[in-house]
Structure formats: structure tokens, C-alpha cells
C-alpha atoms as a PDB file:
ATOM      1  CA  MET A   1      90.686  91.619  99.161  1.00  0.00           C
ATOM      2  CA  ASP A   2      87.563  91.045 101.221  1.00  0.00           C
ATOM      3  CA  ALA A   3      88.157  90.517 104.927  1.00  0.00           C
ATOM      4  CA  ASN A   4      86.152  91.025 108.098  1.00  0.00           C
ATOM      5  CA  VAL A   5      88.352  93.106 110.408  1.00  0.00           C
ATOM      6  CA  HIS A   6      87.768  95.094 113.609  1.00  0.00           C
ATOM      7  CA  LEU A   7      90.831  97.329 113.741  1.00  0.00           C
ATOM      8  CA  ALA A   8      89.072 100.695 113.892  1.00  0.00           C
ATOM      9  CA  GLN A   9      86.225  99.425 116.089  1.00  0.00           C
ATOM     10  CA  ASP A  10      83.923 101.258 113.648  1.00  0.00           C
ATOM     11  CA  PRO A  11      81.822  99.303 111.104  1.00  0.00           C
ATOM     12  CA  GLU A  12      82.239 101.692 108.161  1.00  0.00           C
ATOM     13  CA  ALA A  13      85.953 102.237 108.723  1.00  0.00           C
ATOM     14  CA  ASP A  14      86.571  98.515 109.220  1.00  0.00           C
ATOM     15  CA  ALA A  15      84.642  97.660 106.052  1.00  0.00           C
ATOM     16  CA  LEU A  16      86.982  99.927 104.065  1.00  0.00           C
ATOM     17  CA  LEU A  17      90.072  98.369 105.665  1.00  0.00           C
ATOM     18  CA  GLY A  18      88.793  94.904 104.819  1.00  0.00           C
ATOM     19  CA  ARG A  19      88.219  95.614 101.130  1.00  0.00           C
ATOM     20  CA  SER A  20      90.915  98.177 100.282  1.00  0.00           C
ATOM     21  CA  PRO A  21      94.618  97.250 100.327  1.00  0.00           C
ATOM     22  CA  LEU A  22      95.556 100.943 100.172  1.00  0.00           C
ATOM     23  CA  ALA A  23      93.339 101.723 103.166  1.00  0.00           C
ATOM     24  CA  ALA A  24      94.998  98.936 105.163  1.00  0.00           C
ATOM     25  CA  LEU A  25      98.485 100.229 104.284  1.00  0.00           C
ATOM     26  CA  THR A  26      97.454 103.793 105.115  1.00  0.00           C
ATOM     27  CA  GLY A  27      96.038 102.745 108.474  1.00  0.00           C
ATOM     28  CA  MET A  28      99.291 100.964 109.276  1.00  0.00           C
ATOM     29  CA  LEU A  29     101.246 104.063 108.281  1.00  0.00           C
ATOM     30  CA  LEU A  30      99.118 106.206 110.604  1.00  0.00           C
ATOM     31  CA  ASP A  31      99.555 103.764 113.497  1.00  0.00           C
ATOM     32  CA  GLN A  32     102.109 105.656 115.549  1.00  0.00           C
ATOM     33  CA  GLN A  33     101.779 108.135 118.410  1.00  0.00           C
ATOM     34  CA  VAL A  34      97.983 107.779 118.433  1.00  0.00           C
ATOM     35  CA  PRO A  35      95.588 105.058 119.673  1.00  0.00           C
ATOM     36  CA  MET A  36      95.394 102.140 117.244  1.00  0.00           C
ATOM     37  CA  GLU A  37      91.689 102.494 116.521  1.00  0.00           C
ATOM     38  CA  TRP A  38      92.151 106.235 115.793  1.00  0.00           C
ATOM     39  CA  ALA A  39      94.885 105.406 113.278  1.00  0.00           C
ATOM     40  CA  PHE A  40      92.844 102.775 111.470  1.00  0.00           C
ATOM     41  CA  LYS A  41      89.773 104.973 111.311  1.00  0.00           C
ATOM     42  CA  GLY A  42      91.877 107.503 109.387  1.00  0.00           C
ATOM     43  CA  PRO A  43      91.527 105.973 105.893  1.00  0.00           C
ATOM     44  CA  ALA A  44      87.712 106.124 106.057  1.00  0.00           C
ATOM     45  CA  THR A  45      87.866 109.727 107.277  1.00  0.00           C
ATOM     46  CA  ILE A  46      90.170 110.647 104.381  1.00  0.00           C
ATOM     47  CA  ALA A  47      87.958 108.892 101.825  1.00  0.00           C
ATOM     48  CA  GLY A  48      84.866 110.619 103.192  1.00  0.00           C
ATOM     49  CA  ARG A  49      86.467 114.048 103.017  1.00  0.00           C
ATOM     50  CA  MET A  50      87.539 113.348  99.443  1.00  0.00           C
ATOM     51  CA  GLY A  51      83.960 112.403  98.601  1.00  0.00           C
ATOM     52  CA  ALA A  52      84.987 108.871  97.668  1.00  0.00           C
ATOM     53  CA  ARG A  53      84.013 105.347  98.699  1.00  0.00           C
ATOM     54  CA  ASP A  54      87.611 104.100  98.514  1.00  0.00           C
ATOM     55  CA  LEU A  55      91.106 105.563  98.501  1.00  0.00           C
ATOM     56  CA  ASP A  56      92.873 105.968  95.164  1.00  0.00           C
ATOM     57  CA  ALA A  57      96.677 106.101  95.086  1.00  0.00           C
ATOM     58  CA  HIS A  58      96.769 108.054  91.815  1.00  0.00           C
ATOM     59  CA  GLU A  59      94.372 110.708  93.126  1.00  0.00           C
ATOM     60  CA  ILE A  60      96.151 111.148  96.465  1.00  0.00           C
ATOM     61  CA  ALA A  61      99.599 111.214  94.838  1.00  0.00           C
ATOM     62  CA  ALA A  62      98.505 113.986  92.470  1.00  0.00           C
ATOM     63  CA  MET A  63      96.835 116.219  95.074  1.00  0.00           C
ATOM     64  CA  ASP A  64      98.290 119.576  96.033  1.00  0.00           C
ATOM     65  CA  PRO A  65     100.290 118.877  99.235  1.00  0.00           C
ATOM     66  CA  GLU A  66      98.852 121.865 101.090  1.00  0.00           C
ATOM     67  CA  ALA A  67      95.302 120.896 100.156  1.00  0.00           C
ATOM     68  CA  PHE A  68      95.852 117.305 101.270  1.00  0.00           C
ATOM     69  CA  ALA A  69      97.401 118.442 104.550  1.00  0.00           C
ATOM     70  CA  ALA A  70      94.419 120.734 105.130  1.00  0.00           C
ATOM     71  CA  LEU A  71      92.067 117.823 104.482  1.00  0.00           C
ATOM     72  CA  LEU A  72      93.767 115.745 107.185  1.00  0.00           C
ATOM     73  CA  SER A  73      93.854 118.724 109.551  1.00  0.00           C
ATOM     74  CA  GLU A  74      90.096 119.338 109.510  1.00  0.00           C
ATOM     75  CA  LYS A  75      88.583 118.674 112.914  1.00  0.00           C
ATOM     76  CA  PRO A  76      88.554 116.019 114.082  1.00  0.00           C
ATOM     77  CA  ALA A  77      92.090 115.665 112.722  1.00  0.00           C
ATOM     78  CA  VAL A  78      93.059 112.347 111.161  1.00  0.00           C
ATOM     79  CA  HIS A  79      96.222 112.186 113.287  1.00  0.00           C
ATOM     80  CA  ARG A  80      97.954 114.039 116.093  1.00  0.00           C
ATOM     81  CA  TYR A  81     100.421 115.304 113.457  1.00  0.00           C
ATOM     82  CA  PRO A  82      98.201 115.697 110.372  1.00  0.00           C
ATOM     83  CA  GLY A  83     100.682 117.751 108.342  1.00  0.00           C
ATOM     84  CA  SER A  84     103.580 115.316 108.593  1.00  0.00           C
ATOM     85  CA  MET A  85     101.302 112.295 108.122  1.00  0.00           C
ATOM     86  CA  ALA A  86      99.722 113.865 105.042  1.00  0.00           C
ATOM     87  CA  LYS A  87     103.203 114.122 103.540  1.00  0.00           C
ATOM     88  CA  ARG A  88     103.955 110.483 104.387  1.00  0.00           C
ATOM     89  CA  ILE A  89     100.683 109.238 102.899  1.00  0.00           C
ATOM     90  CA  GLN A  90     101.349 111.125  99.680  1.00  0.00           C
ATOM     91  CA  GLN A  91     104.889 109.712  99.543  1.00  0.00           C
ATOM     92  CA  LEU A  92     103.458 106.215  99.988  1.00  0.00           C
ATOM     93  CA  CYS A  93     100.922 106.747  97.207  1.00  0.00           C
ATOM     94  CA  GLN A  94     103.545 108.249  94.894  1.00  0.00           C
ATOM     95  CA  TYR A  95     105.759 105.211  95.491  1.00  0.00           C
ATOM     96  CA  LEU A  96     102.853 102.859  94.737  1.00  0.00           C
ATOM     97  CA  VAL A  97     102.079 104.731  91.510  1.00  0.00           C
ATOM     98  CA  GLU A  98     105.716 104.678  90.418  1.00  0.00           C
ATOM     99  CA  HIS A  99     106.546 101.081  91.343  1.00  0.00           C
ATOM    100  CA  HIS A 100     103.198  99.243  91.300  1.00  0.00           C
ATOM    101  CA  GLY A 101     100.965 101.216  88.956  1.00  0.00           C
ATOM    102  CA  GLY A 102      99.007 102.516  91.934  1.00  0.00           C
ATOM    103  CA  ASP A 103      97.941  98.975  92.887  1.00  0.00           C
ATOM    104  CA  ALA A 104      98.658  98.548  96.616  1.00  0.00           C
ATOM    105  CA  GLU A 105      97.740  94.865  96.546  1.00  0.00           C
ATOM    106  CA  ALA A 106     100.568  94.222  94.074  1.00  0.00           C
ATOM    107  CA  VAL A 107     103.000  94.737  96.972  1.00  0.00           C
ATOM    108  CA  TRP A 108     102.060  91.316  98.349  1.00  0.00           C
ATOM    109  CA  ARG A 109     100.398  89.670  95.338  1.00  0.00           C
ATOM    110  CA  GLU A 110     103.702  89.619  93.476  1.00  0.00           C
ATOM    111  CA  ALA A 111     105.899  88.602  96.436  1.00  0.00           C
ATOM    112  CA  GLY A 112     107.310  85.073  96.191  1.00  0.00           C
ATOM    113  CA  ASP A 113     107.660  84.278  99.894  1.00  0.00           C
ATOM    114  CA  GLY A 114     107.553  85.820 103.354  1.00  0.00           C
ATOM    115  CA  ALA A 115     111.102  87.160 103.260  1.00  0.00           C
ATOM    116  CA  ALA A 116     110.519  88.790  99.873  1.00  0.00           C
ATOM    117  CA  LEU A 117     107.263  90.314 101.090  1.00  0.00           C
ATOM    118  CA  LEU A 118     108.945  91.719 104.179  1.00  0.00           C
ATOM    119  CA  LYS A 119     111.551  93.406 101.981  1.00  0.00           C
ATOM    120  CA  ARG A 120     108.849  94.844  99.704  1.00  0.00           C
ATOM    121  CA  LEU A 121     107.023  96.250 102.721  1.00  0.00           C
ATOM    122  CA  GLN A 122     110.228  97.743 104.130  1.00  0.00           C
ATOM    123  CA  ASP A 123     110.798  99.455 100.789  1.00  0.00           C
ATOM    124  CA  LEU A 124     107.562 101.431 101.265  1.00  0.00           C
ATOM    125  CA  PRO A 125     108.004 105.029 102.490  1.00  0.00           C
ATOM    126  CA  GLY A 126     107.306 105.221 106.215  1.00  0.00           C
ATOM    127  CA  PHE A 127     107.669 101.478 106.817  1.00  0.00           C
ATOM    128  CA  GLY A 128     110.606 100.481 108.988  1.00  0.00           C
ATOM    129  CA  ARG A 129     111.312  96.857 109.868  1.00  0.00           C
ATOM    130  CA  GLN A 130     108.985  96.727 112.873  1.00  0.00           C
ATOM    131  CA  LYS A 131     106.035  98.318 111.053  1.00  0.00           C
ATOM    132  CA  ALA A 132     106.649  96.036 108.064  1.00  0.00           C
ATOM    133  CA  GLN A 133     106.666  92.945 110.302  1.00  0.00           C
ATOM    134  CA  ILE A 134     103.461  93.993 112.035  1.00  0.00           C
ATOM    135  CA  PHE A 135     101.726  94.575 108.701  1.00  0.00           C
ATOM    136  CA  LEU A 136     103.021  91.258 107.391  1.00  0.00           C
ATOM    137  CA  ALA A 137     101.521  89.580 110.481  1.00  0.00           C
ATOM    138  CA  LEU A 138      98.241  91.415 109.840  1.00  0.00           C
ATOM    139  CA  LEU A 139      98.210  90.177 106.242  1.00  0.00           C
ATOM    140  CA  GLY A 140      98.759  86.599 107.346  1.00  0.00           C
ATOM    141  CA  LYS A 141      96.520  86.502 110.394  1.00  0.00           C
ATOM    142  CA  GLN A 142      93.537  88.493 109.143  1.00  0.00           C
ATOM    143  CA  LEU A 143      93.741  89.333 105.436  1.00  0.00           C
ATOM    144  CA  GLY A 144      94.394  85.850 104.031  1.00  0.00           C
ATOM    145  CA  VAL A 145      97.843  86.646 102.593  1.00  0.00           C
ATOM    146  CA  ARG A 146     100.083  83.745 103.636  1.00  0.00           C
ATOM    147  CA  PRO A 147     103.119  83.224 101.418  1.00  0.00           C
ATOM    148  CA  THR A 148     105.594  80.549 102.455  1.00  0.00           C
ATOM    149  CA  GLY A 149     107.529  81.625 105.533  1.00  0.00           C
ATOM    150  CA  TRP A 150     105.283  84.553 106.423  1.00  0.00           C
ATOM    151  CA  ARG A 151     105.221  83.791 110.152  1.00  0.00           C
ATOM    152  CA  GLU A 152     109.011  83.550 110.313  1.00  0.00           C
ATOM    153  CA  ALA A 153     109.407  86.798 108.369  1.00  0.00           C
ATOM    154  CA  ALA A 154     106.965  88.549 110.708  1.00  0.00           C
ATOM    155  CA  GLY A 155     109.069  87.533 113.724  1.00  0.00           C
ATOM    156  CA  ALA A 156     107.368  87.595 117.116  1.00  0.00           C
ATOM    157  CA  TYR A 157     104.382  89.404 115.578  1.00  0.00           C
ATOM    158  CA  GLY A 158     103.607  86.308 113.526  1.00  0.00           C
ATOM    159  CA  GLU A 159     103.316  84.008 116.538  1.00  0.00           C
ATOM    160  CA  GLU A 160      99.966  82.272 116.826  1.00  0.00           C
ATOM    161  CA  GLY A 161      97.933  83.204 119.894  1.00  0.00           C
ATOM    162  CA  SER A 162      99.967  86.315 120.697  1.00  0.00           C
ATOM    163  CA  PHE A 163      98.595  89.762 121.550  1.00  0.00           C
ATOM    164  CA  ARG A 164     101.499  91.962 120.517  1.00  0.00           C
ATOM    165  CA  SER A 165     100.140  94.242 117.821  1.00  0.00           C
ATOM    166  CA  VAL A 166      97.248  95.380 115.664  1.00  0.00           C
ATOM    167  CA  ALA A 167      97.636  92.088 113.790  1.00  0.00           C
ATOM    168  CA  ASP A 168      96.046  90.373 116.806  1.00  0.00           C
ATOM    169  CA  ILE A 169      93.049  92.680 117.233  1.00  0.00           C
ATOM    170  CA  THR A 170      89.759  90.991 116.409  1.00  0.00           C
ATOM    171  CA  GLY A 171      87.485  92.870 118.815  1.00  0.00           C
ATOM    172  CA  PRO A 172      87.349  94.904 122.045  1.00  0.00           C
ATOM    173  CA  GLU A 173      88.739  92.084 124.231  1.00  0.00           C
ATOM    174  CA  SER A 174      91.816  91.474 122.087  1.00  0.00           C
ATOM    175  CA  LEU A 175      92.294  95.250 121.702  1.00  0.00           C
ATOM    176  CA  ALA A 176      92.505  95.513 125.493  1.00  0.00           C
ATOM    177  CA  LYS A 177      95.039  92.667 125.601  1.00  0.00           C
ATOM    178  CA  VAL A 178      97.223  94.250 122.920  1.00  0.00           C
ATOM    179  CA  ARG A 179      97.046  97.611 124.674  1.00  0.00           C
ATOM    180  CA  ALA A 180      98.071  95.961 127.956  1.00  0.00           C
ATOM    181  CA  HIS A 181     101.015  94.263 126.220  1.00  0.00           C
ATOM    182  CA  LYS A 182     102.187  97.583 124.783  1.00  0.00           C
ATOM    183  CA  GLN A 183     101.965  99.252 128.193  1.00  0.00           C
ATOM    184  CA  GLU A 184     103.971  96.419 129.768  1.00  0.00           C
ATOM    185  CA  ALA A 185     106.611  96.724 127.045  1.00  0.00           C
ATOM    186  CA  LYS A 186     106.887 100.485 127.597  1.00  0.00           C
ATOM    187  CA  ALA A 187     107.172 100.009 131.369  1.00  0.00           C
ATOM    188  CA  ALA A 188     109.910  97.408 130.894  1.00  0.00           C
ATOM    189  CA  ALA A 189     111.786  99.742 128.527  1.00  0.00           C
ATOM    190  CA  ARG A 190     111.569 102.601 131.047  1.00  0.00           C
ATOM    191  CA  ALA A 191     112.786 100.326 133.840  1.00  0.00           C
ATOM    192  CA  ALA A 192     115.715  99.149 131.722  1.00  0.00           C
ATOM    193  CA  ALA A 193     116.651 102.717 130.854  1.00  0.00           C
ATOM    194  CA  ALA A 194     116.455 103.737 134.512  1.00  0.00           C
ATOM    195  CA  ALA A 195     118.637 100.788 135.548  1.00  0.00           C
ATOM    196  CA  LYS A 196     121.166 101.655 132.868  1.00  0.00           C
ATOM    197  CA  GLY A 197     121.248 105.261 134.068  1.00  0.00           C
ATOM    198  CA  ALA A 198     121.703 104.191 137.677  1.00  0.00           C
ATOM    199  CA  GLY A 199     124.565 101.922 136.615  1.00  0.00           C
ATOM    200  CA  LYS A 200     126.347 104.808 134.928  1.00  0.00           C
ATOM    201  CA  GLN A 201     125.936 106.993 138.009  1.00  0.00           C
ATOM    202  CA  SER A 202     127.387 104.317 140.339  1.00  0.00           C
ATOM    203  CA  SER A 203     130.409 103.770 138.071  1.00  0.00           C
ATOM    204  CA  LYS A 204     131.468 107.432 138.269  1.00  0.00           C
END
């Protein structure tokens, strides 16, 4: 894998994401409850603290959990919840070692079509349907992985010209558009919840 991405908005971190399938998966795993660019800078921070150029699933899976959690907790912390995310990253790496020989790229290299790839992504620890669809869209839009039916399997995240997720970030301008979309979606969800609550009150 050799792709030019701008997810972390940091040259060194983005270079790692573009060449390392495990780094890309780890960044996607970290992408919750923190800014997107913070999440995707995480893999490079982890690699640097481990004294390595790339991430290695075998090495991370075998690390002492407390030591790995401490590594993520060093300031600046890799995530808002470094302890819980350290556990999830190790679970992901252990799964990759057990099911794919530690080769993260095998998750999509050996998938027959988009639907099969979506299922393989959903099987990964920490990847629900939405996260799996977003990563599938990222694979297709930016990482050159386009099995038959990938856009359909990715759902709305696979739509061409959309600005829904990290899959659509190619620079600062698109990052701002994706962030605006997320804020609009959150506002709409809050409004819907408020309307639903008001409806319950009026029916009493």
C-alpha cells in the first residue's frame, strides 16, 4: 500500500497511514470522541514511542497491557481515553495475528467483493457497521482498494463527491466540510430528540 493521504494533517503521520495498512486501521479505530486529525496522528505517535518506523501487529499483540496503556497515556496522550483505546488496539492486533498472520492488508486483499469486505471489517474488534463502512469508503476513495460493489457496501459514505466522513478528507478545505457535516448531523439528532421528548410530554 502506497497512498498519498492527508488525514492527520501532519506529513510524517500521513506518510505512515499511506504506507501501513495497520496504521490506517488503527487510526480508524481511534477515530471516536476526539478530533479526526488527532485520531489519525495516533499511529505515528505510537510507532515513535515504540522506537519503530512502522506498527507491527505481532509486537503490539505481545506487549504487556499495562506497558502499552502507559505508552499511549504519555503526554500528549494518543487519545482522550488512552487506557481503553490501548486495550482495543491490542485486541485488534491479536485478532489480526490469529486470523490473518498479523497481516492487516490481508483483511481486504483476500476479500472477494464489497459485501465480503464489509463483513470482514465488521468482524474486527472495535469495528461496528458504521466504522466498517467509513473505512471501506476510505479504502475505495483514497487507498486504491475497490472490489466490486464497494460503493454500495459502504452505503452513503461511498457516494462520490460527498463530505460525510474521514474517507472524504483530502486537505484542510475538505476537513472543514466534513466537520461541518458532522456538526449538522449532531444538531439534527439533538433537534429530533428534543421533538420526540416534547411529543411525549404533550401526550401525557
